[in-house]
Amino acid sequence: MPKRIVLDLDLCCGCRSCEAACKAAFKGESRIRHGNIAQTAYLPLACRHCKDPLCAAACPVDAITRDEETGLVTRSAYICIGCQSCAFACPFGVIDAPLVRHISQKCNLCKDRDEGPRCVAACSSGALQFLGEDEIKQREISMRFVSKHSFYRRSS
């Protein structure tokens, strides 16, 4: 069963170390985005590698494909024409519309690393985790209504 990046918002401190790790690995081009919620909290937005990816369906040149075995949704830099269809089609807003070198930046879960994604390894607070479906259900990520400690971003 494929794993995916999961965010526990109660633990995120907004340090953006995940973004720095991603930029370092991909020559200054971060493949993880950050959303700003009412200028109160930043949350990292990583590709969810959907079962039926709308970004792939919207791509006119089939630059984005999903591997049925691993569940990984990848983009071919050589095929991508920079039309931004994928960015507009993604319901989670994780593909950045202002394209770098006119090519969409897409998370590949650091498939070159056995340890998992660099952003998860760099997360100092443990907010980003690389989990399988069974692990997500067991941990009840984002099911808390109140944070465990007043230091965390959301308190009540």
N, C-alpha and C. Protein backbone atom coordinates (compact mmCIF):
# COMPACT_ATOMS: atom_id res chain seq x y z
N MET A 1 0.84 -1.17 0.00
CA MET A 1 0.00 0.00 0.00
C MET A 1 0.90 1.25 0.00
N PRO A 2 0.67 2.19 -0.89
CA PRO A 2 1.54 3.36 -0.99
C PRO A 2 1.43 4.29 0.22
N LYS A 3 2.53 4.95 0.51
CA LYS A 3 2.57 5.91 1.60
C LYS A 3 2.39 7.31 1.03
N ARG A 4 2.01 8.25 1.90
CA ARG A 4 1.89 9.64 1.49
C ARG A 4 2.28 10.56 2.62
N ILE A 5 2.52 11.81 2.28
CA ILE A 5 2.89 12.81 3.26
C ILE A 5 1.63 13.31 3.94
N VAL A 6 1.64 13.31 5.27
CA VAL A 6 0.50 13.74 6.05
C VAL A 6 0.95 14.87 6.96
N LEU A 7 0.12 15.90 7.08
CA LEU A 7 0.41 17.05 7.93
C LEU A 7 -0.44 16.99 9.18
N ASP A 8 0.20 17.08 10.34
CA ASP A 8 -0.51 17.25 11.60
C ASP A 8 -0.39 18.73 11.95
N LEU A 9 -1.42 19.49 11.65
CA LEU A 9 -1.40 20.94 11.80
C LEU A 9 -1.15 21.38 13.23
N ASP A 10 -1.54 20.55 14.19
CA ASP A 10 -1.32 20.90 15.59
C ASP A 10 0.17 20.96 15.92
N LEU A 11 0.99 20.28 15.16
CA LEU A 11 2.43 20.25 15.45
C LEU A 11 3.24 21.21 14.59
N CYS A 12 2.68 21.74 13.51
CA CYS A 12 3.43 22.61 12.61
C CYS A 12 3.72 23.95 13.27
N CYS A 13 5.00 24.34 13.28
CA CYS A 13 5.39 25.61 13.88
C CYS A 13 5.70 26.67 12.83
N GLY A 14 5.55 26.34 11.55
CA GLY A 14 5.76 27.30 10.48
C GLY A 14 7.21 27.64 10.20
N CYS A 15 8.13 26.76 10.52
CA CYS A 15 9.56 27.04 10.36
C CYS A 15 10.03 26.97 8.91
N ARG A 16 9.28 26.29 8.07
CA ARG A 16 9.57 26.11 6.65
C ARG A 16 10.86 25.34 6.37
N SER A 17 11.29 24.53 7.32
CA SER A 17 12.48 23.70 7.09
C SER A 17 12.19 22.65 6.02
N CYS A 18 10.94 22.26 5.86
CA CYS A 18 10.57 21.31 4.81
C CYS A 18 10.82 21.92 3.44
N GLU A 19 10.48 23.19 3.30
CA GLU A 19 10.69 23.89 2.04
C GLU A 19 12.18 24.05 1.75
N ALA A 20 12.97 24.34 2.77
CA ALA A 20 14.41 24.48 2.60
C ALA A 20 15.06 23.18 2.16
N ALA A 21 14.62 22.07 2.75
CA ALA A 21 15.16 20.76 2.36
C ALA A 21 14.82 20.43 0.92
N CYS A 22 13.61 20.78 0.52
CA CYS A 22 13.17 20.52 -0.84
C CYS A 22 13.96 21.39 -1.83
N LYS A 23 14.15 22.65 -1.50
CA LYS A 23 14.91 23.56 -2.37
C LYS A 23 16.35 23.08 -2.53
N ALA A 24 16.93 22.61 -1.45
CA ALA A 24 18.32 22.14 -1.51
C ALA A 24 18.46 20.92 -2.40
N ALA A 25 17.46 20.07 -2.41
CA ALA A 25 17.52 18.85 -3.21
C ALA A 25 17.24 19.09 -4.68
N PHE A 26 16.43 20.09 -4.99
CA PHE A 26 16.01 20.32 -6.37
C PHE A 26 16.53 21.64 -6.93
N LYS A 27 17.78 21.96 -6.64
CA LYS A 27 18.48 23.10 -7.23
C LYS A 27 17.72 24.41 -7.08
N GLY A 28 17.22 24.67 -5.87
CA GLY A 28 16.55 25.93 -5.58
C GLY A 28 15.10 26.00 -5.97
N GLU A 29 14.54 24.90 -6.47
CA GLU A 29 13.14 24.86 -6.87
C GLU A 29 12.36 23.99 -5.89
N SER A 30 11.62 24.62 -5.01
CA SER A 30 10.85 23.87 -4.02
C SER A 30 9.64 23.23 -4.66
N ARG A 31 9.40 22.00 -4.29
CA ARG A 31 8.24 21.28 -4.81
C ARG A 31 7.17 21.12 -3.75
N ILE A 32 7.38 21.79 -2.65
CA ILE A 32 6.37 21.85 -1.60
C ILE A 32 6.00 23.31 -1.45
N ARG A 33 4.73 23.59 -1.34
CA ARG A 33 4.26 24.97 -1.22
C ARG A 33 3.79 25.23 0.19
N HIS A 34 3.54 26.49 0.49
CA HIS A 34 3.00 26.86 1.79
C HIS A 34 1.77 27.72 1.60
N GLY A 35 0.74 27.39 2.35
CA GLY A 35 -0.46 28.19 2.34
C GLY A 35 -0.46 29.08 3.56
N ASN A 36 -1.05 30.24 3.44
CA ASN A 36 -1.12 31.19 4.54
C ASN A 36 -2.58 31.30 4.96
N ILE A 37 -2.87 30.95 6.19
CA ILE A 37 -4.23 31.02 6.69
C ILE A 37 -4.38 32.27 7.54
N ALA A 38 -5.04 33.26 6.97
CA ALA A 38 -5.35 34.51 7.68
C ALA A 38 -4.14 35.11 8.39
N GLN A 39 -2.98 34.98 7.82
CA GLN A 39 -1.72 35.49 8.38
C GLN A 39 -1.50 35.02 9.81
N THR A 40 -2.08 33.88 10.16
CA THR A 40 -1.92 33.31 11.48
C THR A 40 -1.05 32.07 11.45
N ALA A 41 -1.22 31.27 10.41
CA ALA A 41 -0.48 30.01 10.31
C ALA A 41 -0.09 29.74 8.87
N TYR A 42 1.08 29.16 8.72
CA TYR A 42 1.53 28.66 7.43
C TYR A 42 1.37 27.15 7.47
N LEU A 43 0.92 26.57 6.38
CA LEU A 43 0.87 25.13 6.36
C LEU A 43 1.50 24.63 5.08
N PRO A 44 2.36 23.63 5.20
CA PRO A 44 3.00 23.06 4.02
C PRO A 44 1.99 22.28 3.19
N LEU A 45 2.07 22.45 1.88
CA LEU A 45 1.17 21.77 0.96
C LEU A 45 1.99 20.86 0.06
N ALA A 46 1.88 19.58 0.28
CA ALA A 46 2.61 18.60 -0.53
C ALA A 46 1.61 17.85 -1.41
N CYS A 47 2.09 17.37 -2.54
CA CYS A 47 1.24 16.63 -3.46
C CYS A 47 0.64 15.42 -2.75
N ARG A 48 -0.62 15.18 -2.98
CA ARG A 48 -1.31 14.07 -2.33
C ARG A 48 -1.28 12.79 -3.14
N HIS A 49 -0.74 12.85 -4.34
CA HIS A 49 -0.63 11.68 -5.22
C HIS A 49 -1.98 10.93 -5.26
N CYS A 50 -2.97 11.64 -5.75
CA CYS A 50 -4.36 11.17 -5.80
C CYS A 50 -4.51 9.88 -6.60
N LYS A 51 -5.54 9.12 -6.26
CA LYS A 51 -5.85 7.89 -7.02
C LYS A 51 -6.31 8.23 -8.43
N ASP A 52 -7.10 9.28 -8.56
CA ASP A 52 -7.54 9.79 -9.87
C ASP A 52 -7.08 11.24 -9.98
N PRO A 53 -5.81 11.48 -10.32
CA PRO A 53 -5.28 12.84 -10.31
C PRO A 53 -5.88 13.74 -11.39
N LEU A 54 -6.49 14.82 -10.95
CA LEU A 54 -7.07 15.77 -11.89
C LEU A 54 -5.98 16.50 -12.67
N CYS A 55 -4.80 16.65 -12.07
CA CYS A 55 -3.70 17.31 -12.78
C CYS A 55 -3.32 16.51 -14.02
N ALA A 56 -3.31 15.18 -13.90
CA ALA A 56 -2.98 14.33 -15.04
C ALA A 56 -4.07 14.37 -16.09
N ALA A 57 -5.31 14.40 -15.64
CA ALA A 57 -6.43 14.46 -16.58
C ALA A 57 -6.44 15.77 -17.36
N ALA A 58 -5.98 16.86 -16.72
CA ALA A 58 -5.99 18.17 -17.36
C ALA A 58 -4.80 18.39 -18.29
N CYS A 59 -3.77 17.59 -18.17
CA CYS A 59 -2.56 17.79 -18.97
C CYS A 59 -2.81 17.41 -20.43
N PRO A 60 -2.66 18.36 -21.35
CA PRO A 60 -2.95 18.07 -22.76
C PRO A 60 -1.89 17.21 -23.46
N VAL A 61 -0.70 17.09 -22.84
CA VAL A 61 0.37 16.33 -23.49
C VAL A 61 0.78 15.08 -22.70
N ASP A 62 -0.02 14.71 -21.71
CA ASP A 62 0.24 13.54 -20.87
C ASP A 62 1.61 13.58 -20.21
N ALA A 63 2.00 14.74 -19.72
CA ALA A 63 3.27 14.88 -19.01
C ALA A 63 3.18 14.35 -17.58
N ILE A 64 1.97 14.27 -17.05
CA ILE A 64 1.76 13.78 -15.68
C ILE A 64 1.10 12.41 -15.77
N THR A 65 1.71 11.43 -15.09
CA THR A 65 1.19 10.07 -15.10
C THR A 65 1.18 9.51 -13.69
N ARG A 66 0.37 8.49 -13.48
CA ARG A 66 0.30 7.82 -12.17
C ARG A 66 0.75 6.38 -12.33
N ASP A 67 1.71 5.97 -11.51
CA ASP A 67 2.17 4.59 -11.50
C ASP A 67 1.19 3.78 -10.65
N GLU A 68 0.52 2.85 -11.26
CA GLU A 68 -0.51 2.06 -10.56
C GLU A 68 0.08 1.21 -9.44
N GLU A 69 1.31 0.77 -9.59
CA GLU A 69 1.93 -0.09 -8.59
C GLU A 69 2.32 0.67 -7.33
N THR A 70 2.97 1.83 -7.50
CA THR A 70 3.44 2.60 -6.35
C THR A 70 2.48 3.70 -5.93
N GLY A 71 1.57 4.12 -6.81
CA GLY A 71 0.66 5.21 -6.51
C GLY A 71 1.28 6.58 -6.71
N LEU A 72 2.51 6.63 -7.20
CA LEU A 72 3.23 7.88 -7.37
C LEU A 72 2.78 8.60 -8.65
N VAL A 73 2.42 9.87 -8.48
CA VAL A 73 2.02 10.71 -9.61
C VAL A 73 3.23 11.56 -9.97
N THR A 74 3.76 11.37 -11.17
CA THR A 74 4.98 12.08 -11.56
C THR A 74 4.76 12.91 -12.81
N ARG A 75 5.66 13.87 -13.00
CA ARG A 75 5.62 14.75 -14.17
C ARG A 75 6.92 14.61 -14.93
N SER A 76 6.84 14.51 -16.23
CA SER A 76 8.02 14.45 -17.07
C SER A 76 8.39 15.86 -17.49
N ALA A 77 9.58 16.30 -17.08
CA ALA A 77 10.03 17.66 -17.42
C ALA A 77 10.25 17.82 -18.92
N TYR A 78 10.52 16.74 -19.60
CA TYR A 78 10.80 16.81 -21.04
C TYR A 78 9.52 16.95 -21.87
N ILE A 79 8.42 16.49 -21.32
CA ILE A 79 7.16 16.55 -22.06
C ILE A 79 6.35 17.80 -21.70
N CYS A 80 6.48 18.27 -20.46
CA CYS A 80 5.69 19.41 -19.97
C CYS A 80 5.92 20.65 -20.84
N ILE A 81 4.81 21.30 -21.24
CA ILE A 81 4.90 22.50 -22.08
C ILE A 81 4.63 23.78 -21.29
N GLY A 82 4.38 23.64 -19.98
CA GLY A 82 4.17 24.82 -19.14
C GLY A 82 2.85 25.53 -19.34
N CYS A 83 1.81 24.80 -19.69
CA CYS A 83 0.51 25.43 -19.98
C CYS A 83 -0.27 25.78 -18.71
N GLN A 84 0.13 25.29 -17.56
CA GLN A 84 -0.47 25.54 -16.25
C GLN A 84 -1.80 24.84 -16.04
N SER A 85 -2.22 23.98 -16.94
CA SER A 85 -3.48 23.26 -16.77
C SER A 85 -3.49 22.44 -15.49
N CYS A 86 -2.37 21.82 -15.18
CA CYS A 86 -2.28 21.00 -13.97
C CYS A 86 -2.46 21.85 -12.72
N ALA A 87 -1.84 23.04 -12.71
CA ALA A 87 -1.94 23.93 -11.55
C ALA A 87 -3.38 24.38 -11.31
N PHE A 88 -4.09 24.66 -12.38
CA PHE A 88 -5.48 25.09 -12.25
C PHE A 88 -6.41 23.93 -11.90
N ALA A 89 -6.07 22.71 -12.31
CA ALA A 89 -6.92 21.55 -12.08
C ALA A 89 -6.77 20.95 -10.69
N CYS A 90 -5.62 21.14 -10.07
CA CYS A 90 -5.38 20.54 -8.75
C CYS A 90 -6.31 21.15 -7.70
N PRO A 91 -7.17 20.33 -7.08
CA PRO A 91 -8.11 20.87 -6.09
C PRO A 91 -7.45 21.28 -4.78
N PHE A 92 -6.20 20.87 -4.56
CA PHE A 92 -5.51 21.17 -3.32
C PHE A 92 -4.52 22.33 -3.47
N GLY A 93 -4.32 22.80 -4.68
CA GLY A 93 -3.42 23.93 -4.92
C GLY A 93 -1.96 23.66 -4.65
N VAL A 94 -1.52 22.44 -4.85
CA VAL A 94 -0.14 22.10 -4.53
C VAL A 94 0.83 22.27 -5.70
N ILE A 95 0.33 22.42 -6.91
CA ILE A 95 1.21 22.68 -8.05
C ILE A 95 1.23 24.19 -8.24
N ASP A 96 2.41 24.75 -8.19
CA ASP A 96 2.56 26.20 -8.22
C ASP A 96 2.31 26.74 -9.62
N ALA A 97 1.39 27.69 -9.73
CA ALA A 97 1.05 28.28 -11.04
C ALA A 97 2.17 29.15 -11.59
N PRO A 98 2.86 29.98 -10.78
CA PRO A 98 4.00 30.72 -11.36
C PRO A 98 5.13 29.72 -11.64
N LEU A 99 5.22 29.29 -12.85
CA LEU A 99 6.12 28.20 -13.21
C LEU A 99 7.58 28.65 -13.27
N VAL A 100 8.45 27.76 -12.82
CA VAL A 100 9.89 27.98 -12.90
C VAL A 100 10.35 27.45 -14.26
N ARG A 101 11.00 28.28 -15.04
CA ARG A 101 11.47 27.91 -16.38
C ARG A 101 10.33 27.34 -17.22
N HIS A 102 9.12 27.81 -16.97
CA HIS A 102 7.93 27.40 -17.73
C HIS A 102 7.64 25.91 -17.65
N ILE A 103 8.04 25.29 -16.55
CA ILE A 103 7.77 23.87 -16.33
C ILE A 103 7.14 23.72 -14.95
N SER A 104 6.07 22.95 -14.83
CA SER A 104 5.41 22.79 -13.54
C SER A 104 6.30 22.02 -12.58
N GLN A 105 6.32 22.46 -11.34
CA GLN A 105 7.09 21.80 -10.29
C GLN A 105 6.17 20.83 -9.56
N LYS A 106 6.53 19.58 -9.50
CA LYS A 106 5.66 18.55 -8.95
C LYS A 106 6.44 17.65 -8.01
N CYS A 107 5.91 17.44 -6.82
CA CYS A 107 6.54 16.56 -5.82
C CYS A 107 6.59 15.13 -6.34
N ASN A 108 7.73 14.47 -6.13
CA ASN A 108 7.86 13.07 -6.53
C ASN A 108 8.14 12.17 -5.31
N LEU A 109 7.84 12.68 -4.12
CA LEU A 109 8.07 11.98 -2.85
C LEU A 109 9.52 11.54 -2.68
N CYS A 110 10.43 12.27 -3.30
CA CYS A 110 11.87 11.95 -3.23
C CYS A 110 12.10 10.47 -3.48
N LYS A 111 11.61 10.01 -4.63
CA LYS A 111 11.68 8.59 -4.95
C LYS A 111 13.10 8.06 -5.05
N ASP A 112 14.09 8.97 -5.08
CA ASP A 112 15.49 8.56 -5.12
C ASP A 112 16.02 8.17 -3.74
N ARG A 113 15.23 8.39 -2.69
CA ARG A 113 15.66 8.10 -1.32
C ARG A 113 14.83 6.97 -0.72
N ASP A 114 15.50 6.00 -0.12
CA ASP A 114 14.81 4.90 0.55
C ASP A 114 14.18 5.37 1.86
N GLU A 115 14.74 6.42 2.47
CA GLU A 115 14.27 6.90 3.77
C GLU A 115 12.97 7.67 3.67
N GLY A 116 12.56 8.04 2.47
CA GLY A 116 11.34 8.82 2.30
C GLY A 116 11.66 10.26 1.94
N PRO A 117 10.64 11.10 1.86
CA PRO A 117 10.82 12.48 1.43
C PRO A 117 11.72 13.32 2.34
N ARG A 118 12.48 14.20 1.72
CA ARG A 118 13.39 15.07 2.46
C ARG A 118 12.63 16.04 3.37
N CYS A 119 11.47 16.50 2.91
CA CYS A 119 10.71 17.45 3.72
C CYS A 119 10.28 16.83 5.04
N VAL A 120 9.93 15.55 5.02
CA VAL A 120 9.53 14.86 6.24
C VAL A 120 10.73 14.70 7.17
N ALA A 121 11.88 14.35 6.61
CA ALA A 121 13.09 14.19 7.42
C ALA A 121 13.53 15.51 8.03
N ALA A 122 13.29 16.63 7.34
CA ALA A 122 13.73 17.93 7.82
C ALA A 122 12.75 18.57 8.80
N CYS A 123 11.56 18.04 8.92
CA CYS A 123 10.52 18.63 9.78
C CYS A 123 10.92 18.48 11.25
N SER A 124 11.26 19.60 11.87
CA SER A 124 11.78 19.57 13.24
C SER A 124 10.71 19.28 14.29
N SER A 125 9.45 19.58 13.99
CA SER A 125 8.39 19.38 14.97
C SER A 125 7.65 18.06 14.80
N GLY A 126 7.92 17.34 13.72
CA GLY A 126 7.23 16.09 13.46
C GLY A 126 5.85 16.28 12.86
N ALA A 127 5.56 17.48 12.36
CA ALA A 127 4.26 17.77 11.77
C ALA A 127 4.06 17.04 10.46
N LEU A 128 5.12 16.90 9.67
CA LEU A 128 5.04 16.14 8.42
C LEU A 128 5.47 14.70 8.70
N GLN A 129 4.64 13.77 8.27
CA GLN A 129 4.93 12.36 8.47
C GLN A 129 4.67 11.62 7.18
N PHE A 130 5.41 10.56 6.95
CA PHE A 130 5.27 9.73 5.74
C PHE A 130 4.64 8.42 6.17
N LEU A 131 3.33 8.29 5.94
CA LEU A 131 2.56 7.19 6.49
C LEU A 131 1.75 6.46 5.43
N GLY A 132 1.47 5.20 5.70
CA GLY A 132 0.56 4.42 4.88
C GLY A 132 -0.87 4.62 5.38
N GLU A 133 -1.84 4.15 4.61
CA GLU A 133 -3.25 4.33 4.96
C GLU A 133 -3.58 3.75 6.34
N ASP A 134 -3.06 2.58 6.65
CA ASP A 134 -3.34 1.94 7.95
C ASP A 134 -2.78 2.77 9.10
N GLU A 135 -1.57 3.29 8.92
CA GLU A 135 -0.96 4.12 9.96
C GLU A 135 -1.73 5.41 10.19
N ILE A 136 -2.26 5.98 9.11
CA ILE A 136 -3.02 7.22 9.23
C ILE A 136 -4.28 6.98 10.06
N LYS A 137 -4.96 5.88 9.81
CA LYS A 137 -6.17 5.57 10.57
C LYS A 137 -5.87 5.29 12.03
N GLN A 138 -4.75 4.65 12.32
CA GLN A 138 -4.38 4.33 13.70
C GLN A 138 -4.03 5.57 14.50
N ARG A 139 -3.37 6.53 13.88
CA ARG A 139 -2.90 7.72 14.60
C ARG A 139 -3.93 8.82 14.69
N GLU A 140 -4.98 8.74 13.92
CA GLU A 140 -6.03 9.76 13.91
C GLU A 140 -5.44 11.16 13.73
N ILE A 141 -4.66 11.32 12.66
CA ILE A 141 -4.05 12.60 12.36
C ILE A 141 -5.13 13.66 12.17
N SER A 142 -4.92 14.82 12.75
CA SER A 142 -5.82 15.98 12.66
C SER A 142 -7.21 15.69 13.19
N MET A 143 -7.34 14.82 14.16
CA MET A 143 -8.63 14.52 14.76
C MET A 143 -8.79 15.21 16.11
N ARG A 144 -7.75 15.89 16.58
CA ARG A 144 -7.85 16.57 17.87
C ARG A 144 -8.54 17.91 17.70
N PHE A 145 -9.27 18.30 18.70
CA PHE A 145 -9.94 19.60 18.67
C PHE A 145 -9.12 20.66 19.39
N VAL A 146 -8.33 20.27 20.35
CA VAL A 146 -7.51 21.20 21.12
C VAL A 146 -6.09 20.67 21.11
N SER A 147 -5.13 21.57 20.97
CA SER A 147 -3.72 21.16 20.97
C SER A 147 -3.32 20.66 22.35
N LYS A 148 -2.26 19.88 22.37
CA LYS A 148 -1.80 19.32 23.62
C LYS A 148 -1.10 20.35 24.51
N HIS A 149 -0.58 21.39 23.94
CA HIS A 149 0.23 22.34 24.70
C HIS A 149 -0.02 23.74 24.16
N SER A 150 0.07 24.73 24.99
CA SER A 150 -0.22 26.10 24.58
C SER A 150 0.81 26.65 23.60
N PHE A 151 1.99 26.02 23.51
CA PHE A 151 3.03 26.48 22.59
C PHE A 151 2.60 26.31 21.13
N TYR A 152 1.80 25.31 20.85
CA TYR A 152 1.42 25.02 19.48
C TYR A 152 0.51 26.10 18.93
N ARG A 153 0.43 26.18 17.60
CA ARG A 153 -0.28 27.27 16.91
C ARG A 153 -1.75 27.35 17.26
N ARG A 154 -2.44 26.25 17.28
CA ARG A 154 -3.88 26.28 17.58
C ARG A 154 -4.08 25.92 19.04
N SER A 155 -4.79 26.75 19.77
CA SER A 155 -4.94 26.47 21.20
C SER A 155 -6.36 26.11 21.59
N SER A 156 -7.35 26.54 20.85
CA SER A 156 -8.71 26.14 21.23
C SER A 156 -9.67 26.36 20.11
